Amino acid sequence: MNRRTGWLLLALAWILCACNMPARSGSNDWVESTPTTSQPSGMPSEGRGNGDPGSEGIDADVIPSTLIDPADLSYLGSFRLPGENGGSSWEYSGYAMAYYPLGDPSGPEDGFPGSLFAVGHDHQQFVSEISIPQPIISATKDPQELNTAGTLQPFADITAGRFGYLEIPRAGLEILPPQQGQDEWKLYFSWGQHFEDAWNPTHGWSSLGLSNPNTAGPWHVDGFSNYVTNDYMFEIPETWARANTPGLLLATGRFRDGIWGGLGPSLIAIGPWLDDDPLPQGGTLEHAVPLLLYGRQQPGNLEIDVSGVDPMATFSEPDEWSGGAWLTAGDASAVIFVGTKALGKSWYGFSNGVVYPTSGDPDEVYPDVPPWPHDQRGWWSEDISAQILFYDPGDLAAVTRGEMETWEPQPYASLDLDDLLFDPGFDYENYKRYLVGDVAYDREHALLYLVERRADGDKSLIHVFRINTD
């Protein structure tokens, strides 16, 4: 497939699946979003216009020593992804990724052990395992200066075709050691798509041998809509889980643009190994505890009820929180979400500012679709920024004890990543509107791996951070 054809197919998929949703006010008024952000350690202080520091947003002036400060993240550089293999590629990739500490055992002792499992091209949704080379900081932002990862296992369909074709897919991956009743490491997954028309099963697991995955599932998370479950996945530290969600060591969630998934990212603790070994296909994961949900889940409703609910600070309908991780380093910790933050005014319609009516009034006049490259209908904003949000795990513990509502926790800080990106900002001509994908965390070495989408031509790049705390 050539690059132009790929752009057109992705654009068509987006147009077919773009959500026609009203704003929270029920009008087409502009919505302002001006978060307060900081910079990663070692990076320039100049941002790309992320709002007036005095405006309403995230107040990160004082961060307790028990929490990871954005300044604790040191940027180590980035590396490239391999070429095509196994019937797929790393173009249009990166919405799901997991770290495997026992991967690549014969690799060099360069301080970056283990391997990464990640989802490749959005069309195939295959998974490949890659090595982790030494990251390099490129002052010129030239991918040719970077090291390239090697392919350890070529792309394969770990779902055994269970999901079929997904329009604007969502996916999550995480790898955990053997749990109750298991005798091997498992690759846990979730899959879904932009529009969900039913309570479809979403989660499952496979072995780490991609050519013979022994797939189990998919299953549905009991009591929760697909709009809040079937995207990012990551490990919950055992010490925290033991005190708050016994046996539930896997976090799963989703943020959906608009308001159907709530007014911020969701997070639910699950433990598939507690339900059966394994559950039959189409079964229900009955052990599920909400940690974060900016709305109310009404029985049987796919859409989350947001009436009377406070949104996440700096929430905007065009946001895209596409990954997450539970960070620990020394005695400090944080739950993070990564994604593309909408900046300035936002609206539903087209990227050139044309607003599309959402009231449902039959007498309302619908505008013509603008010409390329502004012909994609959906949620838009004046500008975008790649960011990391930081949450206090203590707030999520309070939710499990019933001391806070699921929508009361708020991020205590945010981190602007634009200065390290190879290709920041909108690229309307190439239909690029989302900057980053998923993250994966090497807990033992405090290394955070983050996907920048379509930064090496149409291929993704992997950025690497080390968390430095005392």
Protein backbone atom coordinates (compact mmCIF):
# COMPACT_ATOMS: atom_id res chain seq x y z
CA MET A 1 0.00 0.00 0.00
CA ASN A 2 1.43 3.41 -0.89
CA ARG A 3 1.32 6.34 1.50
CA ARG A 4 -1.40 8.25 -0.36
CA THR A 5 -3.70 5.21 -0.44
CA GLY A 6 -3.15 4.69 3.29
CA TRP A 7 -4.13 8.29 4.05
CA LEU A 8 -7.29 8.02 1.96
CA LEU A 9 -8.38 4.73 3.55
CA LEU A 10 -7.83 6.07 7.05
CA ALA A 11 -9.68 9.25 6.20
CA LEU A 12 -12.62 7.26 4.82
CA ALA A 13 -12.72 5.12 7.97
CA TRP A 14 -12.77 8.23 10.14
CA ILE A 15 -15.53 9.88 8.12
CA LEU A 16 -17.65 6.73 8.33
CA CYS A 17 -17.15 6.46 12.09
CA ALA A 18 -16.99 10.10 13.18
CA CYS A 19 -19.23 10.62 16.17
CA ASN A 20 -22.14 13.03 15.87
CA MET A 21 -22.36 14.14 19.49
CA PRO A 22 -23.58 17.25 21.28
CA ALA A 23 -21.32 19.20 23.55
CA ARG A 24 -22.00 19.04 27.28
CA SER A 25 -23.80 22.36 27.07
CA GLY A 26 -26.12 20.97 24.39
CA SER A 27 -25.03 23.73 21.99
CA ASN A 28 -22.39 24.28 19.33
CA ASP A 29 -20.56 26.94 21.32
CA TRP A 30 -16.79 26.94 21.38
CA VAL A 31 -15.18 25.24 24.38
CA GLU A 32 -11.94 26.62 25.82
CA SER A 33 -9.18 24.37 27.19
CA THR A 34 -5.99 25.86 28.63
CA PRO A 35 -4.05 23.39 30.81
CA THR A 36 -1.00 24.27 32.86
CA THR A 37 1.96 22.07 31.94
CA SER A 38 5.63 21.59 32.78
CA GLN A 39 8.61 20.34 30.76
CA PRO A 40 10.59 17.07 30.99
CA SER A 41 13.98 17.22 32.70
CA GLY A 42 16.72 18.34 30.36
CA MET A 43 14.33 19.81 27.77
CA PRO A 44 13.94 23.49 26.75
CA SER A 45 11.39 25.54 28.68
CA GLU A 46 9.68 26.97 25.60
CA GLY A 47 6.35 25.28 24.89
CA ARG A 48 3.93 25.54 21.97
CA GLY A 49 1.37 27.81 23.57
CA ASN A 50 -0.21 25.67 26.29
CA GLY A 51 -2.24 28.36 27.93
CA ASP A 52 -1.72 31.13 30.44
CA PRO A 53 0.00 29.68 33.56
CA GLY A 54 -2.38 31.75 35.64
CA SER A 55 -5.49 30.27 34.02
CA GLU A 56 -7.67 27.63 35.59
CA GLY A 57 -6.05 24.23 35.18
CA ILE A 58 -3.64 21.92 36.99
CA ASP A 59 -1.79 23.47 39.94
CA ALA A 60 1.51 21.60 40.20
CA ASP A 61 3.48 24.06 42.33
CA VAL A 62 4.01 21.65 45.23
CA ILE A 63 4.21 17.89 44.66
CA PRO A 64 4.64 15.61 47.71
CA SER A 65 7.77 13.44 47.79
CA THR A 66 5.57 10.33 47.69
CA LEU A 67 4.49 11.28 44.16
CA ILE A 68 6.57 11.26 41.01
CA ASP A 69 7.22 14.80 39.82
CA PRO A 70 7.25 15.46 36.06
CA ALA A 71 10.75 16.85 36.63
CA ASP A 72 11.81 13.34 37.69
CA LEU A 73 11.51 12.17 34.07
CA SER A 74 14.81 12.41 32.21
CA TYR A 75 14.66 12.08 28.45
CA LEU A 76 17.13 9.52 27.09
CA GLY A 77 16.34 9.69 23.39
CA SER A 78 14.48 7.54 20.87
CA PHE A 79 14.87 4.66 18.44
CA ARG A 80 13.38 3.46 15.16
CA LEU A 81 11.20 0.43 14.45
CA PRO A 82 12.04 -2.41 12.01
CA GLY A 83 10.78 -2.96 8.47
CA GLU A 84 7.81 -4.94 7.20
CA ASN A 85 7.40 -8.57 8.22
CA GLY A 86 4.73 -11.17 8.90
CA GLY A 87 2.20 -9.50 6.62
CA SER A 88 2.18 -6.14 8.40
CA SER A 89 4.36 -3.13 9.22
CA TRP A 90 4.98 -0.37 11.78
CA GLU A 91 3.25 2.29 9.68
CA TYR A 92 0.17 3.81 11.35
CA SER A 93 1.09 1.84 14.47
CA GLY A 94 1.53 2.16 18.22
CA TYR A 95 -1.87 2.19 19.94
CA ALA A 96 -0.92 -0.76 22.20
CA MET A 97 2.44 -1.78 23.70
CA ALA A 98 3.74 -3.89 26.59
CA TYR A 99 7.16 -4.49 28.16
CA TYR A 100 8.50 -8.02 28.72
CA PRO A 101 11.38 -8.17 31.24
CA LEU A 102 12.59 -11.63 30.11
CA GLY A 103 12.63 -10.78 26.42
CA ASP A 104 15.76 -10.72 24.25
CA PRO A 105 17.95 -12.64 26.76
CA SER A 106 20.92 -12.68 24.35
CA GLY A 107 20.79 -8.93 23.74
CA PRO A 108 23.65 -6.56 24.62
CA GLU A 109 24.15 -5.42 28.22
CA ASP A 110 23.52 -1.78 27.39
CA GLY A 111 21.18 -0.86 30.24
CA PHE A 112 18.02 -1.51 28.20
CA PRO A 113 17.13 -5.16 28.79
CA GLY A 114 13.94 -6.97 27.86
CA SER A 115 11.72 -6.52 24.83
CA LEU A 116 8.55 -4.77 23.68
CA PHE A 117 5.38 -6.33 22.27
CA ALA A 118 3.32 -3.84 20.26
CA VAL A 119 0.49 -3.57 17.76
CA GLY A 120 1.51 -2.62 14.23
CA HIS A 121 -0.46 -1.15 11.34
CA ASP A 122 -3.99 -0.08 12.29
CA HIS A 123 -5.48 -2.10 9.41
CA GLN A 124 -4.11 -5.52 10.45
CA GLN A 125 -3.80 -5.03 14.24
CA PHE A 126 -1.08 -7.71 14.37
CA VAL A 127 1.42 -7.94 17.24
CA SER A 128 5.22 -8.21 16.97
CA GLU A 129 8.03 -8.50 19.54
CA ILE A 130 11.07 -6.24 19.12
CA SER A 131 14.40 -5.69 20.84
CA ILE A 132 15.25 -2.44 22.63
CA PRO A 133 18.33 -0.67 21.24
CA GLN A 134 20.24 2.15 22.89
CA PRO A 135 18.17 5.34 22.50
CA ILE A 136 19.80 8.39 20.94
CA ILE A 137 18.94 12.08 21.29
CA SER A 138 18.81 13.61 17.82
CA ALA A 139 19.32 17.37 17.95
CA THR A 140 18.14 17.65 14.35
CA LYS A 141 15.12 15.33 14.84
CA ASP A 142 16.38 13.13 12.01
CA PRO A 143 15.30 9.47 12.30
CA GLN A 144 18.35 8.46 10.25
CA GLU A 145 20.52 9.30 13.28
CA LEU A 146 18.75 6.74 15.49
CA ASN A 147 19.38 3.09 16.24
CA THR A 148 16.81 0.60 14.95
CA ALA A 149 15.11 -2.14 16.95
CA GLY A 150 15.35 -5.74 15.75
CA THR A 151 12.45 -8.11 15.15
CA LEU A 152 12.39 -10.93 17.70
CA GLN A 153 9.01 -12.33 16.63
CA PRO A 154 7.35 -11.23 13.37
CA PHE A 155 3.84 -9.86 13.22
CA ALA A 156 1.04 -12.32 13.97
CA ASP A 157 -2.67 -12.22 14.81
CA ILE A 158 -2.78 -13.16 18.50
CA THR A 159 -6.60 -12.91 18.47
CA ALA A 160 -6.98 -15.77 15.98
CA GLY A 161 -9.44 -13.62 14.02
CA ARG A 162 -11.92 -13.33 16.88
CA PHE A 163 -12.63 -9.62 16.37
CA GLY A 164 -12.77 -9.36 12.59
CA TYR A 165 -12.39 -5.96 10.93
CA LEU A 166 -12.48 -2.99 13.32
CA GLU A 167 -13.15 0.57 12.13
CA ILE A 168 -10.86 3.04 13.91
CA PRO A 169 -9.66 0.30 16.29
CA ARG A 170 -8.78 0.60 19.96
CA ALA A 171 -6.43 -1.90 21.60
CA GLY A 172 -4.49 -2.59 24.78
CA LEU A 173 -1.65 -4.97 25.73
CA GLU A 174 0.02 -5.95 28.99
CA ILE A 175 2.31 -8.81 30.04
CA LEU A 176 2.16 -10.33 33.53
CA PRO A 177 3.98 -13.24 35.18
CA PRO A 178 2.01 -16.40 36.05
CA GLN A 179 -0.99 -15.68 38.25
CA GLN A 180 -3.29 -17.93 40.21
CA GLY A 181 -3.52 -21.33 38.51
CA GLN A 182 -1.19 -20.36 35.64
CA ASP A 183 2.18 -21.81 34.70
CA GLU A 184 3.43 -19.23 32.19
CA TRP A 185 3.60 -15.52 31.44
CA LYS A 186 0.53 -14.20 29.61
CA LEU A 187 0.01 -11.46 27.04
CA TYR A 188 -3.29 -9.82 28.00
CA PHE A 189 -5.18 -7.88 25.35
CA SER A 190 -8.28 -5.79 24.73
CA TRP A 191 -9.79 -4.77 21.40
CA GLY A 192 -12.65 -2.58 20.23
CA GLN A 193 -13.48 0.23 17.83
CA HIS A 194 -14.57 3.84 17.75
CA PHE A 195 -18.29 3.07 17.52
CA GLU A 196 -19.60 0.24 19.70
CA ASP A 197 -23.14 -0.88 18.89
CA ALA A 198 -23.41 -3.64 21.51
CA TRP A 199 -21.88 -5.01 24.71
CA ASN A 200 -19.37 -7.04 22.74
CA PRO A 201 -16.65 -9.11 24.47
CA THR A 202 -13.36 -7.23 24.51
CA HIS A 203 -10.63 -8.86 26.65
CA GLY A 204 -8.55 -12.02 26.46
CA TRP A 205 -5.06 -13.42 26.74
CA SER A 206 -2.52 -15.34 24.67
CA SER A 207 0.82 -17.01 25.22
CA LEU A 208 3.96 -15.06 24.37
CA GLY A 209 4.75 -17.32 21.42
CA LEU A 210 3.09 -15.27 18.68
CA SER A 211 3.11 -18.01 16.05
CA ASN A 212 1.06 -20.27 18.36
CA PRO A 213 -0.73 -17.89 20.72
CA ASN A 214 -3.22 -20.32 22.33
CA THR A 215 -5.72 -17.47 22.48
CA ALA A 216 -8.37 -17.38 25.21
CA GLY A 217 -11.37 -15.08 25.16
CA PRO A 218 -12.63 -12.59 24.38
CA TRP A 219 -14.62 -11.77 27.49
CA HIS A 220 -16.69 -8.81 28.64
CA VAL A 221 -15.89 -6.79 31.78
CA ASP A 222 -18.95 -7.21 33.97
CA GLY A 223 -21.12 -4.13 34.37
CA PHE A 224 -19.04 -1.75 32.25
CA SER A 225 -19.55 -0.37 28.77
CA ASN A 226 -16.99 -1.01 26.05
CA TYR A 227 -16.51 2.77 25.92
CA VAL A 228 -14.66 2.66 29.26
CA THR A 229 -12.78 -0.65 29.07
CA ASN A 230 -11.28 -1.64 25.73
CA ASP A 231 -8.20 0.49 25.18
CA TYR A 232 -5.04 0.89 27.33
CA MET A 233 -3.98 -1.81 29.82
CA PHE A 234 -1.22 -1.86 32.44
CA GLU A 235 -0.02 -3.61 35.58
CA ILE A 236 -1.18 -2.58 39.06
CA PRO A 237 1.70 -2.90 41.57
CA GLU A 238 1.14 -5.89 43.84
CA THR A 239 1.63 -3.96 47.10
CA TRP A 240 -1.05 -1.43 46.14
CA ALA A 241 -3.40 -4.13 44.89
CA ARG A 242 -2.97 -6.19 48.05
CA ALA A 243 -4.25 -3.28 50.12
CA ASN A 244 -6.98 -2.01 47.78
CA THR A 245 -7.95 -4.52 45.05
CA PRO A 246 -6.81 -7.96 46.28
CA GLY A 247 -6.06 -10.27 43.37
CA LEU A 248 -6.80 -7.59 40.76
CA LEU A 249 -3.43 -6.74 39.21
CA LEU A 250 -4.52 -5.56 35.79
CA ALA A 251 -5.84 -2.07 34.99
CA THR A 252 -7.91 -1.50 31.87
CA GLY A 253 -9.70 1.57 30.56
CA ARG A 254 -10.44 3.93 27.72
CA PHE A 255 -10.99 7.56 26.88
CA ARG A 256 -13.39 8.22 24.02
CA ASP A 257 -13.61 11.63 22.35
CA GLY A 258 -16.86 13.44 23.02
CA ILE A 259 -18.74 12.41 26.16
CA TRP A 260 -20.01 8.87 25.56
CA GLY A 261 -17.20 7.42 27.70
CA GLY A 262 -17.41 10.09 30.39
CA LEU A 263 -15.63 13.39 30.98
CA GLY A 264 -12.11 12.02 31.34
CA PRO A 265 -10.10 8.78 31.18
CA SER A 266 -11.50 5.68 32.88
CA LEU A 267 -9.66 2.95 34.78
CA ILE A 268 -10.98 -0.39 36.07
CA ALA A 269 -9.09 -3.07 38.02
CA ILE A 270 -9.63 -6.64 36.79
CA GLY A 271 -8.21 -10.11 37.45
CA PRO A 272 -9.17 -12.52 34.64
CA TRP A 273 -7.45 -15.43 36.42
CA LEU A 274 -9.98 -15.16 39.28
CA ASP A 275 -12.96 -16.01 37.08
CA ASP A 276 -11.83 -19.29 35.50
CA ASP A 277 -8.77 -20.81 33.82
CA PRO A 278 -9.75 -19.62 31.34
CA LEU A 279 -13.33 -18.46 30.88
CA PRO A 280 -15.11 -19.75 27.78
CA GLN A 281 -15.25 -17.39 24.81
CA GLY A 282 -17.92 -14.72 25.36
CA GLY A 283 -17.82 -15.11 29.15
CA THR A 284 -17.95 -12.34 31.75
CA LEU A 285 -15.12 -11.10 33.98
CA GLU A 286 -17.03 -10.71 37.23
CA HIS A 287 -14.12 -9.34 39.29
CA ALA A 288 -13.98 -5.67 38.29
CA VAL A 289 -13.50 -2.59 40.51
CA PRO A 290 -13.69 0.98 39.14
CA LEU A 291 -10.75 3.22 40.02
CA LEU A 292 -11.60 6.18 37.81
CA LEU A 293 -14.75 7.01 35.85
CA TYR A 294 -15.95 10.53 35.07
CA GLY A 295 -19.60 9.61 34.95
CA ARG A 296 -22.07 6.95 36.04
CA GLN A 297 -22.46 3.55 34.42
CA GLN A 298 -26.18 2.90 34.04
CA PRO A 299 -27.14 -0.79 33.67
CA GLY A 300 -27.40 -1.78 30.02
CA ASN A 301 -26.36 1.62 28.63
CA LEU A 302 -23.33 1.85 26.35
CA GLU A 303 -23.10 5.61 26.88
CA ILE A 304 -21.92 6.89 30.27
CA ASP A 305 -24.27 9.20 32.18
CA VAL A 306 -22.41 12.48 32.82
CA SER A 307 -25.24 14.50 34.37
CA GLY A 308 -24.11 16.33 37.50
CA VAL A 309 -20.56 14.96 37.22
CA ASP A 310 -17.45 17.12 37.46
CA PRO A 311 -15.12 16.60 34.48
CA MET A 312 -11.43 15.97 34.65
CA ALA A 313 -9.55 19.24 34.96
CA THR A 314 -8.78 20.59 31.45
CA PHE A 315 -11.17 18.06 29.85
CA SER A 316 -12.02 18.83 26.24
CA GLU A 317 -14.12 16.73 23.87
CA PRO A 318 -11.38 16.37 21.19
CA ASP A 319 -8.83 14.97 23.69
CA GLU A 320 -7.25 11.57 22.95
CA TRP A 321 -5.80 9.75 26.00
CA SER A 322 -4.40 6.66 24.30
CA GLY A 323 -2.08 5.01 26.85
CA GLY A 324 -1.31 4.62 30.52
CA ALA A 325 1.06 3.15 33.09
CA TRP A 326 1.40 2.77 36.86
CA LEU A 327 4.83 4.20 37.68
CA THR A 328 6.85 3.34 40.77
CA ALA A 329 10.40 4.49 41.49
CA GLY A 330 11.86 4.25 44.96
CA ASP A 331 9.14 5.31 47.38
CA ALA A 332 7.37 7.50 44.83
CA SER A 333 4.58 6.53 42.46
CA ALA A 334 2.06 7.90 39.97
CA VAL A 335 -0.61 6.69 37.61
CA ILE A 336 -0.13 8.35 34.23
CA PHE A 337 -2.15 8.76 31.05
CA VAL A 338 -0.52 9.83 27.78
CA GLY A 339 -2.19 11.30 24.76
CA THR A 340 -2.98 14.22 22.51
CA LYS A 341 -4.42 17.20 24.39
CA ALA A 342 -6.76 19.61 22.62
CA LEU A 343 -5.70 23.24 23.07
CA GLY A 344 -7.60 26.48 22.63
CA LYS A 345 -11.13 26.48 21.26
CA SER A 346 -12.75 23.20 20.30
CA TRP A 347 -15.80 22.28 18.25
CA TYR A 348 -17.60 19.43 16.50
CA GLY A 349 -17.38 19.65 12.75
CA PHE A 350 -14.42 20.08 10.42
CA SER A 351 -10.79 21.04 10.95
CA ASN A 352 -11.12 24.42 9.21
CA GLY A 353 -13.53 25.62 11.90
CA VAL A 354 -16.83 24.75 10.19
CA VAL A 355 -19.25 23.66 12.93
CA TYR A 356 -21.58 20.73 12.27
CA PRO A 357 -25.02 20.93 13.97
CA THR A 358 -25.71 18.34 16.66
CA SER A 359 -29.04 19.49 18.09
CA GLY A 360 -31.12 17.07 16.02
CA ASP A 361 -33.40 19.91 14.90
CA PRO A 362 -34.67 18.92 11.39
CA ASP A 363 -34.81 22.61 10.41
CA GLU A 364 -31.15 23.16 11.19
CA VAL A 365 -28.96 23.87 8.16
CA TYR A 366 -26.11 21.42 7.60
CA PRO A 367 -22.96 22.84 6.02
CA ASP A 368 -21.30 21.37 2.95
CA VAL A 369 -18.33 19.12 3.57
CA PRO A 370 -15.21 21.29 3.09
CA PRO A 371 -12.67 20.28 0.44
CA TRP A 372 -9.54 18.24 1.25
CA PRO A 373 -7.72 18.32 3.60
CA HIS A 374 -10.47 19.59 5.92
CA ASP A 375 -13.07 16.98 5.02
CA GLN A 376 -12.88 14.82 8.18
CA ARG A 377 -15.86 15.30 10.47
CA GLY A 378 -15.33 14.89 14.22
CA TRP A 379 -14.12 16.78 17.28
CA TRP A 380 -11.47 19.41 16.51
CA SER A 381 -9.47 22.09 18.31
CA GLU A 382 -7.29 25.05 17.42
CA ASP A 383 -4.09 23.24 18.39
CA ILE A 384 -2.86 20.04 20.00
CA SER A 385 -0.09 18.99 22.36
CA ALA A 386 1.36 15.63 23.41
CA GLN A 387 1.05 15.39 27.18
CA ILE A 388 1.33 13.10 30.19
CA LEU A 389 -1.18 13.43 33.04
CA PHE A 390 -0.12 12.41 36.58
CA TYR A 391 -2.60 10.99 39.12
CA ASP A 392 -2.12 10.21 42.81
CA PRO A 393 -2.57 6.45 43.49
CA GLY A 394 -3.80 7.43 46.95
CA ASP A 395 -6.84 9.06 45.35
CA LEU A 396 -7.63 5.85 43.48
CA ALA A 397 -7.32 3.95 46.76
CA ALA A 398 -9.85 6.35 48.29
CA VAL A 399 -12.24 5.50 45.45
CA THR A 400 -12.01 1.78 46.25
CA ARG A 401 -12.84 2.55 49.91
CA GLY A 402 -15.85 4.64 48.94
CA GLU A 403 -14.27 7.83 50.29
CA MET A 404 -14.24 9.52 46.86
CA GLU A 405 -16.57 9.29 43.89
CA THR A 406 -15.00 7.79 40.77
CA TRP A 407 -14.92 11.24 39.13
CA GLU A 408 -13.36 13.12 42.05
CA PRO A 409 -9.64 12.26 41.53
CA GLN A 410 -7.87 14.90 39.48
CA PRO A 411 -4.40 14.96 37.90
CA TYR A 412 -1.87 16.70 40.14
CA ALA A 413 0.45 17.61 37.25
CA SER A 414 0.89 17.38 33.49
CA LEU A 415 3.96 17.18 31.29
CA ASP A 416 4.28 18.74 27.83
CA LEU A 417 6.18 16.53 25.37
CA ASP A 418 6.08 18.66 22.22
CA ASP A 419 9.69 19.81 22.35
CA LEU A 420 11.00 16.26 22.04
CA LEU A 421 8.60 15.12 19.29
CA PHE A 422 9.91 14.68 15.77
CA ASP A 423 6.64 15.84 14.19
CA PRO A 424 4.44 17.86 16.60
CA GLY A 425 1.18 19.58 15.76
CA PHE A 426 -1.52 18.94 13.16
CA ASP A 427 -0.64 17.77 9.67
CA TYR A 428 -3.94 18.19 7.83
CA GLU A 429 -2.59 17.22 4.41
CA ASN A 430 -1.44 13.85 5.74
CA TYR A 431 -4.52 13.31 7.91
CA LYS A 432 -2.41 13.31 11.06
CA ARG A 433 -4.23 14.53 14.17
CA TYR A 434 -2.97 12.30 17.02
CA LEU A 435 0.63 12.60 18.19
CA VAL A 436 1.34 9.71 20.54
CA GLY A 437 0.08 6.19 21.17
CA ASP A 438 0.68 3.87 24.12
CA VAL A 439 3.42 3.60 26.77
CA ALA A 440 5.11 0.63 28.45
CA TYR A 441 7.04 0.58 31.73
CA ASP A 442 10.13 -1.36 32.84
CA ARG A 443 9.53 -1.19 36.59
CA GLU A 444 12.85 -2.72 37.65
CA HIS A 445 14.93 -0.19 35.73
CA ALA A 446 12.44 2.73 35.91
CA LEU A 447 12.39 3.07 32.11
CA LEU A 448 9.32 4.43 30.33
CA TYR A 449 8.80 3.73 26.61
CA LEU A 450 6.41 6.01 24.67
CA VAL A 451 5.17 5.77 21.07
CA GLU A 452 5.21 8.80 18.80
CA ARG A 453 2.92 7.92 15.90
CA ARG A 454 3.91 8.56 12.27
CA ALA A 455 7.15 10.35 13.17
CA ASP A 456 9.45 8.32 10.88
CA GLY A 457 7.57 8.74 7.62
CA ASP A 458 4.39 6.85 8.44
CA LYS A 459 6.18 4.61 10.95
CA SER A 460 6.19 5.21 14.68
CA LEU A 461 9.20 6.07 16.84
CA ILE A 462 9.80 5.00 20.46
CA HIS A 463 10.90 7.64 22.98
CA VAL A 464 12.60 6.59 26.23
CA PHE A 465 12.58 8.21 29.67
CA ARG A 466 14.21 7.28 32.96
CA ILE A 467 12.47 8.16 36.22
CA ASN A 468 14.98 9.54 38.71
CA THR A 469 13.84 9.77 42.33
CA ASP A 470 15.66 9.56 45.66
